[in-house]
Amino acid sequence: MRCTPHPEGHPVDPKHLVSSAALALLAGFVDGFAFVMLGGFFVSFMSGNTTQASAELTGGAWGAAGYAGLLVAAFVAGGVTGTAVSIRARSRGVMTLVALTLLVAAVLAGIGHVLAAGPVLAAAMGATNAVHSRDGAAPFGITYMTGQLMKLAENIVAAFRGGDRRAWMRHLALWVAIAIGAIAGAAAARLVGPVALWLPAAAATATAAALVLRRGTPPATSSE
């Protein structure tokens, strides 16, 4: 039986790669910030939260397990909402959703409700993965770093066997971007606390505004 290739195996538009690396940088910042402020929980790394919830259950830490589970549920809800929005409003709609959720999280964190901001951040990260979705499917995940590293390994092997010699670079670029973002986010959280969250919120808002304005700009016409 012939298998249908996974969307991540399809050629990636270079323009989408650049914007995806920028989104990975943003996601890394948010995740690094959240890891510090939430005491070891993640808002974009759901494998980590799943393992943590399971481990906390075995130790009887029901509250911590429940919170990790809540973050997973919020991430899925954000992904569902982002994918649904992408079908009607494409990237501009999803980016607007991401910006709004990050702004809400920044407000919550700023008034001292950091734990309440966590699920909102997880929802924002879930939606971020749908920014480049087309017909309800994303060409590749923004925050799926385990998958990106596996694709990196596969493409390195393919390059040595005569395949595309540069395909592995896109997966490395996304991993590097999210790592740099996480370093910046964790450092910012330690230096200035909750106020650091306004940086990714502002960046997402500016990006969403640019996409909306570009959508509304009429095409240039040549004068005779």
C-alpha atoms as a PDB file:
ATOM      1  CA  MET A   1       0.000   0.000   0.000  1.00  0.00           C
ATOM      2  CA  ARG A   2       1.396   3.394  -0.973  1.00  0.00           C
ATOM      3  CA  CYS A   3       1.605   5.977   1.804  1.00  0.00           C
ATOM      4  CA  THR A   4       0.621   9.591   1.283  1.00  0.00           C
ATOM      5  CA  PRO A   5       3.549  11.867   2.095  1.00  0.00           C
ATOM      6  CA  HIS A   6       3.224  13.951   5.212  1.00  0.00           C
ATOM      7  CA  PRO A   7       2.772  17.679   4.529  1.00  0.00           C
ATOM      8  CA  GLU A   8       6.169  18.341   6.128  1.00  0.00           C
ATOM      9  CA  GLY A   9       7.769  16.451   3.279  1.00  0.00           C
ATOM     10  CA  HIS A  10       6.459  18.910   0.699  1.00  0.00           C
ATOM     11  CA  PRO A  11       8.635  21.738  -0.618  1.00  0.00           C
ATOM     12  CA  VAL A  12       8.398  24.790   1.597  1.00  0.00           C
ATOM     13  CA  ASP A  13       7.911  28.294   0.199  1.00  0.00           C
ATOM     14  CA  PRO A  14      11.060  30.290   1.155  1.00  0.00           C
ATOM     15  CA  LYS A  15       8.829  33.211   2.144  1.00  0.00           C
ATOM     16  CA  HIS A  16       6.972  30.937   4.541  1.00  0.00           C
ATOM     17  CA  LEU A  17      10.263  29.614   5.888  1.00  0.00           C
ATOM     18  CA  VAL A  18      11.424  33.113   6.848  1.00  0.00           C
ATOM     19  CA  SER A  19       8.108  33.987   8.471  1.00  0.00           C
ATOM     20  CA  SER A  20       7.999  30.574  10.170  1.00  0.00           C
ATOM     21  CA  ALA A  21      11.470  31.126  11.627  1.00  0.00           C
ATOM     22  CA  ALA A  22      10.247  34.479  12.955  1.00  0.00           C
ATOM     23  CA  LEU A  23       7.205  32.769  14.463  1.00  0.00           C
ATOM     24  CA  ALA A  24       9.457  30.092  15.987  1.00  0.00           C
ATOM     25  CA  LEU A  25      11.552  32.871  17.527  1.00  0.00           C
ATOM     26  CA  LEU A  26       8.380  34.383  18.997  1.00  0.00           C
ATOM     27  CA  ALA A  27       7.157  30.984  20.234  1.00  0.00           C
ATOM     28  CA  GLY A  28      10.532  30.273  21.810  1.00  0.00           C
ATOM     29  CA  PHE A  29      10.449  33.609  23.626  1.00  0.00           C
ATOM     30  CA  VAL A  30       6.955  32.919  24.970  1.00  0.00           C
ATOM     31  CA  ASP A  31       7.852  29.365  26.020  1.00  0.00           C
ATOM     32  CA  GLY A  32      11.085  30.449  27.716  1.00  0.00           C
ATOM     33  CA  PHE A  33       9.220  33.226  29.516  1.00  0.00           C
ATOM     34  CA  ALA A  34       6.471  30.841  30.623  1.00  0.00           C
ATOM     35  CA  PHE A  35       8.908  28.156  31.775  1.00  0.00           C
ATOM     36  CA  VAL A  36      10.489  30.632  34.193  1.00  0.00           C
ATOM     37  CA  MET A  37       7.300  32.380  35.312  1.00  0.00           C
ATOM     38  CA  LEU A  38       5.211  29.199  35.669  1.00  0.00           C
ATOM     39  CA  GLY A  39       7.882  27.256  37.509  1.00  0.00           C
ATOM     40  CA  GLY A  40       8.758  24.631  34.921  1.00  0.00           C
ATOM     41  CA  PHE A  41       5.596  24.312  32.824  1.00  0.00           C
ATOM     42  CA  PHE A  42       5.576  24.792  29.046  1.00  0.00           C
ATOM     43  CA  VAL A  43       3.130  26.606  26.775  1.00  0.00           C
ATOM     44  CA  SER A  44       4.345  25.302  23.399  1.00  0.00           C
ATOM     45  CA  PHE A  45       5.988  21.964  24.296  1.00  0.00           C
ATOM     46  CA  MET A  46       3.051  19.652  24.932  1.00  0.00           C
ATOM     47  CA  SER A  47       5.125  16.463  25.097  1.00  0.00           C
ATOM     48  CA  GLY A  48       6.859  17.965  28.113  1.00  0.00           C
ATOM     49  CA  ASN A  49       3.568  18.876  29.765  1.00  0.00           C
ATOM     50  CA  THR A  50       2.154  15.418  29.087  1.00  0.00           C
ATOM     51  CA  THR A  51       5.171  13.756  30.708  1.00  0.00           C
ATOM     52  CA  GLN A  52       5.053  16.189  33.602  1.00  0.00           C
ATOM     53  CA  ALA A  53       1.330  15.616  34.193  1.00  0.00           C
ATOM     54  CA  SER A  54       1.878  11.862  34.194  1.00  0.00           C
ATOM     55  CA  ALA A  55       4.851  12.078  36.559  1.00  0.00           C
ATOM     56  CA  GLU A  56       2.997  14.428  38.920  1.00  0.00           C
ATOM     57  CA  LEU A  57       0.068  12.008  39.033  1.00  0.00           C
ATOM     58  CA  THR A  58       2.312   9.210  40.267  1.00  0.00           C
ATOM     59  CA  GLY A  59       3.469  11.455  43.106  1.00  0.00           C
ATOM     60  CA  GLY A  60      -0.022  12.527  44.062  1.00  0.00           C
ATOM     61  CA  ALA A  61       0.550  16.147  42.992  1.00  0.00           C
ATOM     62  CA  TRP A  62      -2.963  16.521  41.606  1.00  0.00           C
ATOM     63  CA  GLY A  63      -2.807  20.300  41.281  1.00  0.00           C
ATOM     64  CA  ALA A  64       0.378  20.312  39.209  1.00  0.00           C
ATOM     65  CA  ALA A  65      -0.876  17.422  37.073  1.00  0.00           C
ATOM     66  CA  GLY A  66      -4.166  19.198  36.494  1.00  0.00           C
ATOM     67  CA  TYR A  67      -2.449  22.439  35.520  1.00  0.00           C
ATOM     68  CA  ALA A  68      -0.204  20.638  33.022  1.00  0.00           C
ATOM     69  CA  GLY A  69      -3.290  18.946  31.592  1.00  0.00           C
ATOM     70  CA  LEU A  70      -5.047  22.318  31.358  1.00  0.00           C
ATOM     71  CA  LEU A  71      -2.145  23.694  29.328  1.00  0.00           C
ATOM     72  CA  VAL A  72      -2.404  20.759  26.914  1.00  0.00           C
ATOM     73  CA  ALA A  73      -6.158  21.292  26.529  1.00  0.00           C
ATOM     74  CA  ALA A  74      -5.656  25.029  25.961  1.00  0.00           C
ATOM     75  CA  PHE A  75      -3.018  24.348  23.298  1.00  0.00           C
ATOM     76  CA  VAL A  76      -5.388  22.020  21.450  1.00  0.00           C
ATOM     77  CA  ALA A  77      -8.214  24.550  21.738  1.00  0.00           C
ATOM     78  CA  GLY A  78      -5.945  27.234  20.298  1.00  0.00           C
ATOM     79  CA  GLY A  79      -4.951  24.937  17.452  1.00  0.00           C
ATOM     80  CA  VAL A  80      -8.591  24.123  16.682  1.00  0.00           C
ATOM     81  CA  THR A  81      -9.567  27.798  16.722  1.00  0.00           C
ATOM     82  CA  GLY A  82      -6.556  28.863  14.674  1.00  0.00           C
ATOM     83  CA  THR A  83      -7.173  26.186  12.049  1.00  0.00           C
ATOM     84  CA  ALA A  84     -10.854  27.133  11.789  1.00  0.00           C
ATOM     85  CA  VAL A  85      -9.948  30.812  11.421  1.00  0.00           C
ATOM     86  CA  SER A  86      -7.320  30.006   8.770  1.00  0.00           C
ATOM     87  CA  ILE A  87      -9.957  28.465   6.505  1.00  0.00           C
ATOM     88  CA  ARG A  88     -11.835  31.770   6.299  1.00  0.00           C
ATOM     89  CA  ALA A  89      -9.269  34.473   7.029  1.00  0.00           C
ATOM     90  CA  ARG A  90      -5.905  32.867   6.190  1.00  0.00           C
ATOM     91  CA  SER A  91      -2.718  34.088   7.858  1.00  0.00           C
ATOM     92  CA  ARG A  92      -3.992  37.555   8.733  1.00  0.00           C
ATOM     93  CA  GLY A  93      -6.907  36.134  10.725  1.00  0.00           C
ATOM     94  CA  VAL A  94      -4.786  33.618  12.612  1.00  0.00           C
ATOM     95  CA  MET A  95      -2.105  36.194  13.373  1.00  0.00           C
ATOM     96  CA  THR A  96      -4.785  38.528  14.702  1.00  0.00           C
ATOM     97  CA  LEU A  97      -6.006  35.710  16.955  1.00  0.00           C
ATOM     98  CA  VAL A  98      -2.454  35.085  18.185  1.00  0.00           C
ATOM     99  CA  ALA A  99      -1.951  38.794  18.872  1.00  0.00           C
ATOM    100  CA  LEU A 100      -5.209  39.105  20.804  1.00  0.00           C
ATOM    101  CA  THR A 101      -4.487  36.088  22.991  1.00  0.00           C
ATOM    102  CA  LEU A 102      -0.964  37.302  23.731  1.00  0.00           C
ATOM    103  CA  LEU A 103      -2.329  40.727  24.675  1.00  0.00           C
ATOM    104  CA  VAL A 104      -4.841  39.117  27.044  1.00  0.00           C
ATOM    105  CA  ALA A 105      -2.064  37.014  28.581  1.00  0.00           C
ATOM    106  CA  ALA A 106       0.155  40.088  28.981  1.00  0.00           C
ATOM    107  CA  VAL A 107      -2.635  41.909  30.820  1.00  0.00           C
ATOM    108  CA  LEU A 108      -3.269  38.922  33.106  1.00  0.00           C
ATOM    109  CA  ALA A 109       0.422  38.495  33.888  1.00  0.00           C
ATOM    110  CA  GLY A 110       0.820  42.222  34.416  1.00  0.00           C
ATOM    111  CA  ILE A 111      -1.871  42.342  37.114  1.00  0.00           C
ATOM    112  CA  GLY A 112      -0.392  39.389  38.948  1.00  0.00           C
ATOM    113  CA  HIS A 113      -2.397  36.479  37.505  1.00  0.00           C
ATOM    114  CA  VAL A 114       0.542  34.635  35.953  1.00  0.00           C
ATOM    115  CA  LEU A 115      -0.986  31.174  36.401  1.00  0.00           C
ATOM    116  CA  ALA A 116      -4.165  32.332  34.657  1.00  0.00           C
ATOM    117  CA  ALA A 117      -2.054  33.679  31.804  1.00  0.00           C
ATOM    118  CA  GLY A 118      -0.492  30.235  31.229  1.00  0.00           C
ATOM    119  CA  PRO A 119      -3.449  28.568  29.456  1.00  0.00           C
ATOM    120  CA  VAL A 120      -3.996  31.726  27.386  1.00  0.00           C
ATOM    121  CA  LEU A 121      -0.368  31.564  26.259  1.00  0.00           C
ATOM    122  CA  ALA A 122      -0.762  27.862  25.429  1.00  0.00           C
ATOM    123  CA  ALA A 123      -3.817  28.696  23.301  1.00  0.00           C
ATOM    124  CA  ALA A 124      -1.790  31.368  21.505  1.00  0.00           C
ATOM    125  CA  MET A 125       0.963  28.859  20.766  1.00  0.00           C
ATOM    126  CA  GLY A 126      -1.549  26.330  19.461  1.00  0.00           C
ATOM    127  CA  ALA A 127      -2.960  28.965  17.119  1.00  0.00           C
ATOM    128  CA  THR A 128       0.544  29.969  16.002  1.00  0.00           C
ATOM    129  CA  ASN A 129       0.979  26.572  14.358  1.00  0.00           C
ATOM    130  CA  ALA A 130      -1.976  27.363  12.086  1.00  0.00           C
ATOM    131  CA  VAL A 131      -0.630  30.654  10.706  1.00  0.00           C
ATOM    132  CA  HIS A 132       0.406  29.016   7.415  1.00  0.00           C
ATOM    133  CA  SER A 133      -2.465  26.525   7.264  1.00  0.00           C
ATOM    134  CA  ARG A 134      -4.158  26.001   3.914  1.00  0.00           C
ATOM    135  CA  ASP A 135      -7.460  24.150   3.697  1.00  0.00           C
ATOM    136  CA  GLY A 136      -7.142  23.162   7.341  1.00  0.00           C
ATOM    137  CA  ALA A 137      -3.633  21.670   7.127  1.00  0.00           C
ATOM    138  CA  ALA A 138      -0.301  23.258   8.046  1.00  0.00           C
ATOM    139  CA  PRO A 139       2.745  22.528   5.804  1.00  0.00           C
ATOM    140  CA  PHE A 140       4.857  22.173   8.956  1.00  0.00           C
ATOM    141  CA  GLY A 141       4.514  22.885  12.649  1.00  0.00           C
ATOM    142  CA  ILE A 142       6.072  25.986  14.160  1.00  0.00           C
ATOM    143  CA  THR A 143       6.598  24.585  17.658  1.00  0.00           C
ATOM    144  CA  TYR A 144       7.067  20.855  16.889  1.00  0.00           C
ATOM    145  CA  MET A 145      10.791  20.751  17.584  1.00  0.00           C
ATOM    146  CA  THR A 146      11.027  16.980  18.097  1.00  0.00           C
ATOM    147  CA  GLY A 147       9.500  16.551  14.648  1.00  0.00           C
ATOM    148  CA  GLN A 148      11.791  19.208  13.175  1.00  0.00           C
ATOM    149  CA  LEU A 149      14.871  17.475  14.548  1.00  0.00           C
ATOM    150  CA  MET A 150      13.702  14.145  13.116  1.00  0.00           C
ATOM    151  CA  LYS A 151      13.137  15.809   9.738  1.00  0.00           C
ATOM    152  CA  LEU A 152      16.613  17.327  10.045  1.00  0.00           C
ATOM    153  CA  ALA A 153      18.064  13.842  10.530  1.00  0.00           C
ATOM    154  CA  GLU A 154      16.068  12.392   7.621  1.00  0.00           C
ATOM    155  CA  ASN A 155      17.103  15.190   5.264  1.00  0.00           C
ATOM    156  CA  ILE A 156      20.778  14.869   6.215  1.00  0.00           C
ATOM    157  CA  VAL A 157      20.620  11.205   5.199  1.00  0.00           C
ATOM    158  CA  ALA A 158      18.749  12.140   2.002  1.00  0.00           C
ATOM    159  CA  ALA A 159      21.415  14.736   1.141  1.00  0.00           C
ATOM    160  CA  PHE A 160      24.173  12.116   1.425  1.00  0.00           C
ATOM    161  CA  ARG A 161      22.151   9.836  -0.867  1.00  0.00           C
ATOM    162  CA  GLY A 162      21.927  12.412  -3.644  1.00  0.00           C
ATOM    163  CA  GLY A 163      18.781  14.237  -2.564  1.00  0.00           C
ATOM    164  CA  ASP A 164      18.244  17.921  -1.888  1.00  0.00           C
ATOM    165  CA  ARG A 165      21.424  19.159  -0.224  1.00  0.00           C
ATOM    166  CA  ARG A 166      19.729  22.120   1.468  1.00  0.00           C
ATOM    167  CA  ALA A 167      16.410  20.709   2.683  1.00  0.00           C
ATOM    168  CA  TRP A 168      17.830  19.973   6.148  1.00  0.00           C
ATOM    169  CA  MET A 169      18.655  23.651   6.635  1.00  0.00           C
ATOM    170  CA  ARG A 170      15.026  24.730   7.059  1.00  0.00           C
ATOM    171  CA  HIS A 171      14.541  22.350   9.978  1.00  0.00           C
ATOM    172  CA  LEU A 172      17.796  23.482  11.574  1.00  0.00           C
ATOM    173  CA  ALA A 173      16.741  27.118  11.105  1.00  0.00           C
ATOM    174  CA  LEU A 174      13.465  26.564  12.970  1.00  0.00           C
ATOM    175  CA  TRP A 175      15.227  24.773  15.824  1.00  0.00           C
ATOM    176  CA  VAL A 176      17.848  27.521  16.133  1.00  0.00           C
ATOM    177  CA  ALA A 177      15.129  30.195  16.043  1.00  0.00           C
ATOM    178  CA  ILE A 178      13.074  28.645  18.829  1.00  0.00           C
ATOM    179  CA  ALA A 179      16.227  28.042  20.915  1.00  0.00           C
ATOM    180  CA  ILE A 180      17.349  31.666  20.592  1.00  0.00           C
ATOM    181  CA  GLY A 181      13.834  32.842  21.382  1.00  0.00           C
ATOM    182  CA  ALA A 182      13.689  30.653  24.491  1.00  0.00           C
ATOM    183  CA  ILE A 183      16.999  32.029  25.747  1.00  0.00           C
ATOM    184  CA  ALA A 184      15.746  35.581  25.242  1.00  0.00           C
ATOM    185  CA  GLY A 185      12.370  34.867  26.845  1.00  0.00           C
ATOM    186  CA  ALA A 186      13.823  33.171  29.907  1.00  0.00           C
ATOM    187  CA  ALA A 187      16.394  35.927  30.360  1.00  0.00           C
ATOM    188  CA  ALA A 188      13.740  38.635  29.990  1.00  0.00           C
ATOM    189  CA  ALA A 189      11.474  36.911  32.520  1.00  0.00           C
ATOM    190  CA  ARG A 190      14.295  36.813  35.055  1.00  0.00           C
ATOM    191  CA  LEU A 191      15.335  40.404  34.387  1.00  0.00           C
ATOM    192  CA  VAL A 192      12.011  42.260  34.207  1.00  0.00           C
ATOM    193  CA  GLY A 193       9.334  39.707  35.130  1.00  0.00           C
ATOM    194  CA  PRO A 194       5.793  39.692  33.662  1.00  0.00           C
ATOM    195  CA  VAL A 195       6.303  42.946  31.752  1.00  0.00           C
ATOM    196  CA  ALA A 196       8.537  40.998  29.324  1.00  0.00           C
ATOM    197  CA  LEU A 197       5.421  39.427  27.828  1.00  0.00           C
ATOM    198  CA  TRP A 198       4.491  42.742  26.227  1.00  0.00           C
ATOM    199  CA  LEU A 199       7.377  42.313  23.764  1.00  0.00           C
ATOM    200  CA  PRO A 200       5.993  39.244  21.915  1.00  0.00           C
ATOM    201  CA  ALA A 201       2.473  40.649  22.276  1.00  0.00           C
ATOM    202  CA  ALA A 202       3.563  43.867  20.564  1.00  0.00           C
ATOM    203  CA  ALA A 203       5.466  41.956  17.865  1.00  0.00           C
ATOM    204  CA  ALA A 204       2.451  39.764  17.103  1.00  0.00           C
ATOM    205  CA  THR A 205       0.143  42.795  17.038  1.00  0.00           C
ATOM    206  CA  ALA A 206       2.427  44.649  14.619  1.00  0.00           C
ATOM    207  CA  THR A 207       2.638  41.583  12.368  1.00  0.00           C
ATOM    208  CA  ALA A 208      -1.137  41.119  12.378  1.00  0.00           C
ATOM    209  CA  ALA A 209      -1.666  44.801  11.569  1.00  0.00           C
ATOM    210  CA  ALA A 210       0.814  44.595   8.676  1.00  0.00           C
ATOM    211  CA  LEU A 211      -0.972  41.548   7.234  1.00  0.00           C
ATOM    212  CA  VAL A 212      -4.367  43.227   7.499  1.00  0.00           C
ATOM    213  CA  LEU A 213      -3.082  46.452   5.901  1.00  0.00           C
ATOM    214  CA  ARG A 214      -1.378  44.526   3.103  1.00  0.00           C
ATOM    215  CA  ARG A 215      -4.640  42.721   2.431  1.00  0.00           C
ATOM    216  CA  GLY A 216      -6.426  46.059   2.114  1.00  0.00           C
ATOM    217  CA  THR A 217      -3.838  47.664  -0.192  1.00  0.00           C
ATOM    218  CA  PRO A 218      -5.101  47.850  -3.798  1.00  0.00           C
ATOM    219  CA  PRO A 219      -2.786  46.465  -6.493  1.00  0.00           C
ATOM    220  CA  ALA A 220      -0.620  49.016  -8.288  1.00  0.00           C
ATOM    221  CA  THR A 221      -1.749  49.995 -11.792  1.00  0.00           C
ATOM    222  CA  SER A 222       0.543  51.221 -14.534  1.00  0.00           C
ATOM    223  CA  SER A 223      -0.097  54.712 -15.912  1.00  0.00           C
ATOM    224  CA  GLU A 224      -0.193  55.277 -19.628  1.00  0.00           C
END
